Amino acid sequence: MIRPDLKVVKALATVERQHTDILIWLEAWRKHELDQLPNVTQNVALAQGRCQILNEIVKLIKESPEYAAKS
């Protein structure tokens, strides 16, 4: 993943603190994709990639307040 600049990190920190519905939706989508992963029969790599990206995005948003505070 390309590292976001400080402006983007601060915006993600705002999402984590003030727009929690977005994070809840992303976590639900991630859980859905992970639950479906064992049942994927076609294009498994695509499903795995989707899971990886969603994991990285959720982790970045959750950790963005810490990153913003360090900067």
PDB file of N, CA and C in Angstrom:
ATOM      1  N   MET A   1       0.846  -1.174   0.000  1.00  0.00           N
ATOM      2  CA  MET A   1       0.000   0.000   0.000  1.00  0.00           C
ATOM      3  C   MET A   1       0.891   1.235   0.000  1.00  0.00           C
ATOM      4  N   ILE A   2       0.469   2.226  -0.722  1.00  0.00           N
ATOM      5  CA  ILE A   2       1.172   3.501  -0.745  1.00  0.00           C
ATOM      6  C   ILE A   2       0.865   4.221   0.567  1.00  0.00           C
ATOM      7  N   ARG A   3       1.889   4.704   1.229  1.00  0.00           N
ATOM      8  CA  ARG A   3       1.682   5.403   2.492  1.00  0.00           C
ATOM      9  C   ARG A   3       0.984   6.734   2.232  1.00  0.00           C
ATOM     10  N   PRO A   4      -0.096   6.995   2.962  1.00  0.00           N
ATOM     11  CA  PRO A   4      -0.790   8.274   2.791  1.00  0.00           C
ATOM     12  C   PRO A   4      -0.002   9.410   3.434  1.00  0.00           C
ATOM     13  N   ASP A   5      -0.175  10.596   2.887  1.00  0.00           N
ATOM     14  CA  ASP A   5       0.504  11.739   3.497  1.00  0.00           C
ATOM     15  C   ASP A   5      -0.242  12.166   4.766  1.00  0.00           C
ATOM     16  N   LEU A   6       0.322  13.119   5.484  1.00  0.00           N
ATOM     17  CA  LEU A   6      -0.218  13.529   6.776  1.00  0.00           C
ATOM     18  C   LEU A   6      -1.649  14.059   6.662  1.00  0.00           C
ATOM     19  N   LYS A   7      -1.941  14.769   5.586  1.00  0.00           N
ATOM     20  CA  LYS A   7      -3.286  15.317   5.387  1.00  0.00           C
ATOM     21  C   LYS A   7      -4.319  14.189   5.313  1.00  0.00           C
ATOM     22  N   VAL A   8      -4.005  13.133   4.604  1.00  0.00           N
ATOM     23  CA  VAL A   8      -4.914  11.989   4.476  1.00  0.00           C
ATOM     24  C   VAL A   8      -5.038  11.259   5.811  1.00  0.00           C
ATOM     25  N   VAL A   9      -3.938  11.108   6.523  1.00  0.00           N
ATOM     26  CA  VAL A   9      -3.979  10.440   7.824  1.00  0.00           C
ATOM     27  C   VAL A   9      -4.882  11.204   8.785  1.00  0.00           C
ATOM     28  N   LYS A  10      -4.774  12.531   8.781  1.00  0.00           N
ATOM     29  CA  LYS A  10      -5.638  13.340   9.651  1.00  0.00           C
ATOM     30  C   LYS A  10      -7.109  13.201   9.241  1.00  0.00           C
ATOM     31  N   ALA A  11      -7.381  13.124   7.958  1.00  0.00           N
ATOM     32  CA  ALA A  11      -8.761  12.930   7.490  1.00  0.00           C
ATOM     33  C   ALA A  11      -9.283  11.569   7.925  1.00  0.00           C
ATOM     34  N   LEU A  12      -8.437  10.536   7.851  1.00  0.00           N
ATOM     35  CA  LEU A  12      -8.846   9.204   8.301  1.00  0.00           C
ATOM     36  C   LEU A  12      -9.062   9.178   9.814  1.00  0.00           C
ATOM     37  N   ALA A  13      -8.267   9.932  10.549  1.00  0.00           N
ATOM     38  CA  ALA A  13      -8.463  10.025  11.994  1.00  0.00           C
ATOM     39  C   ALA A  13      -9.818  10.658  12.301  1.00  0.00           C
ATOM     40  N   THR A  14     -10.217  11.622  11.498  1.00  0.00           N
ATOM     41  CA  THR A  14     -11.532  12.236  11.660  1.00  0.00           C
ATOM     42  C   THR A  14     -12.628  11.214  11.385  1.00  0.00           C
ATOM     43  N   VAL A  15     -12.448  10.402  10.372  1.00  0.00           N
ATOM     44  CA  VAL A  15     -13.419   9.341  10.068  1.00  0.00           C
ATOM     45  C   VAL A  15     -13.535   8.400  11.256  1.00  0.00           C
ATOM     46  N   GLU A  16     -12.406   8.020  11.832  1.00  0.00           N
ATOM     47  CA  GLU A  16     -12.409   7.077  12.947  1.00  0.00           C
ATOM     48  C   GLU A  16     -13.116   7.657  14.173  1.00  0.00           C
ATOM     49  N   ARG A  17     -12.951   8.966  14.401  1.00  0.00           N
ATOM     50  CA  ARG A  17     -13.519   9.593  15.597  1.00  0.00           C
ATOM     51  C   ARG A  17     -14.942  10.105  15.395  1.00  0.00           C
ATOM     52  N   GLN A  18     -15.215  10.712  14.238  1.00  0.00           N
ATOM     53  CA  GLN A  18     -16.481  11.420  14.061  1.00  0.00           C
ATOM     54  C   GLN A  18     -17.468  10.735  13.126  1.00  0.00           C
ATOM     55  N   HIS A  19     -16.986   9.907  12.243  1.00  0.00           N
ATOM     56  CA  HIS A  19     -17.852   9.250  11.264  1.00  0.00           C
ATOM     57  C   HIS A  19     -17.737   7.738  11.431  1.00  0.00           C
ATOM     58  N   THR A  20     -18.067   7.278  12.600  1.00  0.00           N
ATOM     59  CA  THR A  20     -17.877   5.867  12.945  1.00  0.00           C
ATOM     60  C   THR A  20     -18.711   4.927  12.092  1.00  0.00           C
ATOM     61  N   ASP A  21     -19.792   5.427  11.512  1.00  0.00           N
ATOM     62  CA  ASP A  21     -20.621   4.578  10.647  1.00  0.00           C
ATOM     63  C   ASP A  21     -19.827   4.056   9.457  1.00  0.00           C
ATOM     64  N   ILE A  22     -18.902   4.851   8.955  1.00  0.00           N
ATOM     65  CA  ILE A  22     -18.071   4.413   7.826  1.00  0.00           C
ATOM     66  C   ILE A  22     -17.191   3.245   8.252  1.00  0.00           C
ATOM     67  N   LEU A  23     -16.572   3.358   9.415  1.00  0.00           N
ATOM     68  CA  LEU A  23     -15.719   2.282   9.909  1.00  0.00           C
ATOM     69  C   LEU A  23     -16.539   1.028  10.204  1.00  0.00           C
ATOM     70  N   ILE A  24     -17.699   1.196  10.786  1.00  0.00           N
ATOM     71  CA  ILE A  24     -18.574   0.044  11.062  1.00  0.00           C
ATOM     72  C   ILE A  24     -18.953  -0.650   9.759  1.00  0.00           C
ATOM     73  N   TRP A  25     -19.274   0.111   8.725  1.00  0.00           N
ATOM     74  CA  TRP A  25     -19.635  -0.464   7.435  1.00  0.00           C
ATOM     75  C   TRP A  25     -18.442  -1.209   6.812  1.00  0.00           C
ATOM     76  N   LEU A  26     -17.255  -0.602   6.879  1.00  0.00           N
ATOM     77  CA  LEU A  26     -16.070  -1.263   6.329  1.00  0.00           C
ATOM     78  C   LEU A  26     -15.762  -2.556   7.078  1.00  0.00           C
ATOM     79  N   GLU A  27     -15.910  -2.549   8.396  1.00  0.00           N
ATOM     80  CA  GLU A  27     -15.672  -3.767   9.177  1.00  0.00           C
ATOM     81  C   GLU A  27     -16.685  -4.852   8.836  1.00  0.00           C
ATOM     82  N   ALA A  28     -17.943  -4.462   8.629  1.00  0.00           N
ATOM     83  CA  ALA A  28     -18.974  -5.436   8.248  1.00  0.00           C
ATOM     84  C   ALA A  28     -18.675  -6.010   6.865  1.00  0.00           C
ATOM     85  N   TRP A  29     -18.247  -5.171   5.936  1.00  0.00           N
ATOM     86  CA  TRP A  29     -17.899  -5.630   4.596  1.00  0.00           C
ATOM     87  C   TRP A  29     -16.715  -6.583   4.664  1.00  0.00           C
ATOM     88  N   ARG A  30     -15.692  -6.220   5.469  1.00  0.00           N
ATOM     89  CA  ARG A  30     -14.522  -7.083   5.642  1.00  0.00           C
ATOM     90  C   ARG A  30     -14.923  -8.444   6.206  1.00  0.00           C
ATOM     91  N   LYS A  31     -15.791  -8.442   7.228  1.00  0.00           N
ATOM     92  CA  LYS A  31     -16.240  -9.689   7.839  1.00  0.00           C
ATOM     93  C   LYS A  31     -17.002 -10.543   6.824  1.00  0.00           C
ATOM     94  N   HIS A  32     -17.856  -9.905   6.045  1.00  0.00           N
ATOM     95  CA  HIS A  32     -18.610 -10.621   5.017  1.00  0.00           C
ATOM     96  C   HIS A  32     -17.667 -11.283   4.011  1.00  0.00           C
ATOM     97  N   GLU A  33     -16.682 -10.524   3.539  1.00  0.00           N
ATOM     98  CA  GLU A  33     -15.721 -11.068   2.567  1.00  0.00           C
ATOM     99  C   GLU A  33     -14.922 -12.222   3.171  1.00  0.00           C
ATOM    100  N   LEU A  34     -14.496 -12.070   4.423  1.00  0.00           N
ATOM    101  CA  LEU A  34     -13.739 -13.142   5.079  1.00  0.00           C
ATOM    102  C   LEU A  34     -14.601 -14.379   5.293  1.00  0.00           C
ATOM    103  N   ASP A  35     -15.870 -14.187   5.639  1.00  0.00           N
ATOM    104  CA  ASP A  35     -16.776 -15.328   5.819  1.00  0.00           C
ATOM    105  C   ASP A  35     -17.028 -16.062   4.509  1.00  0.00           C
ATOM    106  N   GLN A  36     -17.062 -15.339   3.403  1.00  0.00           N
ATOM    107  CA  GLN A  36     -17.310 -15.943   2.094  1.00  0.00           C
ATOM    108  C   GLN A  36     -16.070 -16.588   1.486  1.00  0.00           C
ATOM    109  N   LEU A  37     -14.898 -16.211   1.962  1.00  0.00           N
ATOM    110  CA  LEU A  37     -13.654 -16.669   1.359  1.00  0.00           C
ATOM    111  C   LEU A  37     -13.516 -18.194   1.262  1.00  0.00           C
ATOM    112  N   PRO A  38     -13.860 -18.959   2.297  1.00  0.00           N
ATOM    113  CA  PRO A  38     -13.716 -20.422   2.159  1.00  0.00           C
ATOM    114  C   PRO A  38     -14.623 -21.037   1.093  1.00  0.00           C
ATOM    115  N   ASN A  39     -15.681 -20.340   0.703  1.00  0.00           N
ATOM    116  CA  ASN A  39     -16.646 -20.871  -0.254  1.00  0.00           C
ATOM    117  C   ASN A  39     -16.403 -20.416  -1.691  1.00  0.00           C
ATOM    118  N   VAL A  40     -15.412 -19.584  -1.903  1.00  0.00           N
ATOM    119  CA  VAL A  40     -15.128 -19.073  -3.245  1.00  0.00           C
ATOM    120  C   VAL A  40     -14.556 -20.196  -4.095  1.00  0.00           C
ATOM    121  N   THR A  41     -15.138 -20.380  -5.259  1.00  0.00           N
ATOM    122  CA  THR A  41     -14.659 -21.429  -6.157  1.00  0.00           C
ATOM    123  C   THR A  41     -14.019 -20.853  -7.411  1.00  0.00           C
ATOM    124  N   GLN A  42     -14.408 -19.650  -7.782  1.00  0.00           N
ATOM    125  CA  GLN A  42     -13.838 -19.019  -8.968  1.00  0.00           C
ATOM    126  C   GLN A  42     -13.108 -17.747  -8.549  1.00  0.00           C
ATOM    127  N   ASN A  43     -11.969 -17.543  -9.118  1.00  0.00           N
ATOM    128  CA  ASN A  43     -11.169 -16.341  -8.899  1.00  0.00           C
ATOM    129  C   ASN A  43     -10.874 -16.111  -7.415  1.00  0.00           C
ATOM    130  N   VAL A  44     -10.265 -17.095  -6.808  1.00  0.00           N
ATOM    131  CA  VAL A  44      -9.922 -17.046  -5.385  1.00  0.00           C
ATOM    132  C   VAL A  44      -8.948 -15.902  -5.100  1.00  0.00           C
ATOM    133  N   ALA A  45      -8.020 -15.667  -6.017  1.00  0.00           N
ATOM    134  CA  ALA A  45      -7.032 -14.596  -5.822  1.00  0.00           C
ATOM    135  C   ALA A  45      -7.711 -13.235  -5.696  1.00  0.00           C
ATOM    136  N   LEU A  46      -8.748 -13.016  -6.476  1.00  0.00           N
ATOM    137  CA  LEU A  46      -9.485 -11.758  -6.399  1.00  0.00           C
ATOM    138  C   LEU A  46     -10.142 -11.607  -5.029  1.00  0.00           C
ATOM    139  N   ALA A  47     -10.767 -12.663  -4.536  1.00  0.00           N
ATOM    140  CA  ALA A  47     -11.415 -12.621  -3.228  1.00  0.00           C
ATOM    141  C   ALA A  47     -10.394 -12.408  -2.120  1.00  0.00           C
ATOM    142  N   GLN A  48      -9.238 -13.071  -2.230  1.00  0.00           N
ATOM    143  CA  GLN A  48      -8.182 -12.889  -1.237  1.00  0.00           C
ATOM    144  C   GLN A  48      -7.644 -11.459  -1.260  1.00  0.00           C
ATOM    145  N   GLY A  49      -7.497 -10.915  -2.438  1.00  0.00           N
ATOM    146  CA  GLY A  49      -7.030  -9.538  -2.580  1.00  0.00           C
ATOM    147  C   GLY A  49      -7.997  -8.543  -1.962  1.00  0.00           C
ATOM    148  N   ARG A  50      -9.289  -8.765  -2.187  1.00  0.00           N
ATOM    149  CA  ARG A  50     -10.306  -7.905  -1.587  1.00  0.00           C
ATOM    150  C   ARG A  50     -10.205  -7.943  -0.065  1.00  0.00           C
ATOM    151  N   CYS A  51     -10.037  -9.133   0.489  1.00  0.00           N
ATOM    152  CA  CYS A  51      -9.905  -9.283   1.942  1.00  0.00           C
ATOM    153  C   CYS A  51      -8.671  -8.548   2.453  1.00  0.00           C
ATOM    154  N   GLN A  52      -7.575  -8.677   1.742  1.00  0.00           N
ATOM    155  CA  GLN A  52      -6.335  -8.030   2.166  1.00  0.00           C
ATOM    156  C   GLN A  52      -6.475  -6.512   2.151  1.00  0.00           C
ATOM    157  N   ILE A  53      -7.045  -5.988   1.093  1.00  0.00           N
ATOM    158  CA  ILE A  53      -7.230  -4.539   0.986  1.00  0.00           C
ATOM    159  C   ILE A  53      -8.147  -4.027   2.093  1.00  0.00           C
ATOM    160  N   LEU A  54      -9.258  -4.716   2.316  1.00  0.00           N
ATOM    161  CA  LEU A  54     -10.178  -4.287   3.373  1.00  0.00           C
ATOM    162  C   LEU A  54      -9.510  -4.347   4.743  1.00  0.00           C
ATOM    163  N   ASN A  55      -8.714  -5.379   4.985  1.00  0.00           N
ATOM    164  CA  ASN A  55      -7.981  -5.460   6.254  1.00  0.00           C
ATOM    165  C   ASN A  55      -7.045  -4.269   6.422  1.00  0.00           C
ATOM    166  N   GLU A  56      -6.320  -3.922   5.371  1.00  0.00           N
ATOM    167  CA  GLU A  56      -5.379  -2.806   5.441  1.00  0.00           C
ATOM    168  C   GLU A  56      -6.090  -1.475   5.643  1.00  0.00           C
ATOM    169  N   ILE A  57      -7.211  -1.275   4.973  1.00  0.00           N
ATOM    170  CA  ILE A  57      -7.947  -0.019   5.105  1.00  0.00           C
ATOM    171  C   ILE A  57      -8.512   0.121   6.519  1.00  0.00           C
ATOM    172  N   VAL A  58      -9.121  -0.942   7.037  1.00  0.00           N
ATOM    173  CA  VAL A  58      -9.679  -0.892   8.391  1.00  0.00           C
ATOM    174  C   VAL A  58      -8.572  -0.639   9.409  1.00  0.00           C
ATOM    175  N   LYS A  59      -7.452  -1.329   9.254  1.00  0.00           N
ATOM    176  CA  LYS A  59      -6.334  -1.138  10.182  1.00  0.00           C
ATOM    177  C   LYS A  59      -5.816   0.293  10.108  1.00  0.00           C
ATOM    178  N   LEU A  60      -5.670   0.834   8.911  1.00  0.00           N
ATOM    179  CA  LEU A  60      -5.187   2.200   8.741  1.00  0.00           C
ATOM    180  C   LEU A  60      -6.126   3.198   9.410  1.00  0.00           C
ATOM    181  N   ILE A  61      -7.426   3.039   9.212  1.00  0.00           N
ATOM    182  CA  ILE A  61      -8.371   3.969   9.822  1.00  0.00           C
ATOM    183  C   ILE A  61      -8.324   3.869  11.346  1.00  0.00           C
ATOM    184  N   LYS A  62      -8.268   2.656  11.868  1.00  0.00           N
ATOM    185  CA  LYS A  62      -8.230   2.483  13.320  1.00  0.00           C
ATOM    186  C   LYS A  62      -6.964   3.064  13.943  1.00  0.00           C
ATOM    187  N   GLU A  63      -5.845   2.969  13.243  1.00  0.00           N
ATOM    188  CA  GLU A  63      -4.580   3.442  13.783  1.00  0.00           C
ATOM    189  C   GLU A  63      -4.262   4.889  13.399  1.00  0.00           C
ATOM    190  N   SER A  64      -5.076   5.507  12.545  1.00  0.00           N
ATOM    191  CA  SER A  64      -4.776   6.847  12.064  1.00  0.00           C
ATOM    192  C   SER A  64      -4.725   7.902  13.179  1.00  0.00           C
ATOM    193  N   PRO A  65      -5.563   7.837  14.226  1.00  0.00           N
ATOM    194  CA  PRO A  65      -5.398   8.847  15.288  1.00  0.00           C
ATOM    195  C   PRO A  65      -4.008   8.797  15.931  1.00  0.00           C
ATOM    196  N   GLU A  66      -3.475   7.604  16.113  1.00  0.00           N
ATOM    197  CA  GLU A  66      -2.127   7.473  16.681  1.00  0.00           C
ATOM    198  C   GLU A  66      -1.078   8.054  15.733  1.00  0.00           C
ATOM    199  N   TYR A  67      -1.208   7.744  14.440  1.00  0.00           N
ATOM    200  CA  TYR A  67      -0.260   8.270  13.456  1.00  0.00           C
ATOM    201  C   TYR A  67      -0.331   9.787  13.398  1.00  0.00           C
ATOM    202  N   ALA A  68      -1.530  10.332  13.417  1.00  0.00           N
ATOM    203  CA  ALA A  68      -1.705  11.790  13.350  1.00  0.00           C
ATOM    204  C   ALA A  68      -1.124  12.457  14.591  1.00  0.00           C
ATOM    205  N   ALA A  69      -1.281  11.837  15.748  1.00  0.00           N
ATOM    206  CA  ALA A  69      -0.766  12.409  16.996  1.00  0.00           C
ATOM    207  C   ALA A  69       0.760  12.418  17.019  1.00  0.00           C
ATOM    208  N   LYS A  70       1.383  11.426  16.396  1.00  0.00           N
ATOM    209  CA  LYS A  70       2.845  11.348  16.373  1.00  0.00           C
ATOM    210  C   LYS A  70       3.451  12.404  15.447  1.00  0.00           C
ATOM    211  N   SER A  71       2.686  12.864  14.473  1.00  0.00           N
ATOM    212  CA  SER A  71       3.218  13.808  13.477  1.00  0.00           C
ATOM    213  C   SER A  71       3.220  15.232  13.968  1.00  0.00           C
TER     214      SER A  71
END
